Amino acid sequence: MRLSPFDPWAFAAFHSLILGHFHFGRYEEAVNAARKAVQSNPAHSISYMLLAAALVKLGRLEEAKAAAARVLELQPAFRYSRQFAGVDCAPALAASLSEALRATGLPE
């Protein structure tokens, strides 16, 4: 990210940071990385999904629900269970993300 700060795929690198911070319980850092991912590509629903999950873990439910609403604006057929089916997501991480996303009201 330092070598190519304007890379159009920078949001994907931020996703890795978000997931790492989230997995290790560093939710404030996950929120910060998610905000950078959103800034890098505001049309990518997964960035908002990850932001919503991290915000839930910080107890910021209204902000999380606003991020979740943006997910559905960008991707009306969104189901968070589908997000983990096509990737090799660690089961514990997927469970923790799912638990947080359930609290936002996003459809499973």
Foldseek 3Di string as FASTA:
>chain_A
DVVCLLPLCVLVVLVVVLLVCVVVVVLVSNLVSLVVSCVSPVLDLVSLLSNLLSCVSVVNQVSSLVSLVSSCVNPVVDALVVVPVVDPDDPVSSVSSVVSSVSSVHHD
